[in-house]
């Protein structure tokens, strides 16, 4: 009779990063795109540990962008996702964590109809408590009238991250649920991939590597902030991210409210007694059938996308004013939820990188420099030291530059893309939201970002200043960077990295 399996061997047999790494490489190989013989110049920014002083970037010649080509060049995105036309004057780029935090508190206090917030988690410190207090004030004010209160607050968080520890996101929000049960909804998304023996054996914190709700949308009536920042103190103080405010954009706000609501519908609902349960008619994410849950969730989420597209097509037929000249800015919402079979963001991002020929320059930044094999091949015409080595091996130093962000006592979480047409000093397109361009963003987590295409010169200037602000705090990587003593990587780290890189 065989000896009983130890708990360590049992966990390893169920959850081995080595097998996951093999699967990841097979998946990336399957989805990779054929190399292009020519490509755009790409400047990448990652949060490594630069020691040298930042150096100024070379200026680009100030050549104006003509309005004739932008709509036709990028409107292929409308084949995949809805295209919302908004005036560029209603789009504002925020620059600091404090600006982001203070704006959220102000907008919560003045909201009349809805507050919708999607994040990985809500922290438990005093800054986060102030945010909850703002929600309480707004809900109290909504009850002062004679009629029924109009304000509804809906919060979507990740179940595993939001339930970590005794004091957590759930305990922060329970007082509001108990006091305003008819106006407050808290949904906790649970990945269908964390189930069975795996769910029982993988401990807290580590279970979050299986997959999480990672969308960052903060909506107040008809205005919204799209960001990569979580609702936690460091993201309000000294963790650099990106944030864009879209002011008074009702159709876009409705879309994201419905999207967050659809994910919330297939999530566990938090009750005032801290219990959780699924809505009637929904499939349980880890107790129910995996395929049935994913199919139902996929259908519910994609119906939001298809309904918005159908509504826009109808409006185009009925309106004579719709066309390239009817607005100067287009917003394309991009959703990536690979566990549910949704790959819209991946498809659009890959095509953007593929079609960014030698007439474009792309700036790309990520909070975790761990590009998927597919994205890396596209950037190279097809860990940072490995990436830089591949750049050098292919002789691409003239068009691919790697930069490291540095700022004393700050961390870096910004991600996104800026797209400059050749000879232009301002970007005409940006990607901004929650994805990091890494394996988890593409394959494991629920993600959302927006592509903004704009002819508005003031908005282009805002985007240019944002990009330059981030890159001016960076240092370009060279071969000498990795010869510094503080860059020595221990052998065990080198051996483990290929096995765990797809969990970040």
Foldseek 3Di string as FASTA:
>chain_A
DDDDDDLVVVLCVVDPLQVVLVVQVVVLVVPFDFFDPFFFFEEEEEADDDDDFFDADDFFFADADDLPPQCVVPVVLLVQFPKAFDALVQKFWDWALQVVLVVLLVLLLPFQAEKEWEAQFADDDPSSLSSVVSNVNNQVVQPPDPDDRRYAYEYEHAQLQQPPDPDGRLVSCLVVCVVCVPRYWYFHAYALQCADPNVVSQDRPRSCLQETAQFGWIDGQQKIKFWQDGNYDQSNHFETAIIMIRHRRNLVRVLVVQLSVLSRQQTWIQHSVRDTDHDPPAANSHPGDPLVNLQSSLVSNVVSGVVSSVVVVVCVVVDPLDDSPNHFKIKTKAKADQSSPGQRNVVSVLVVLQPRGHQKYKYWYFHHPAARPNVLCSNCRRVPVVSVVVCVVSVNCVRYWYKHADDPPHGYGYTKMFMGGHSHRFGQKMKHHNDRNHLCSRHHYITMIMIMGGSDVVSRVSRNVSVSVRSSRIHIDDPVSCVDPVNDDDPVCVVCCSSCVNSD
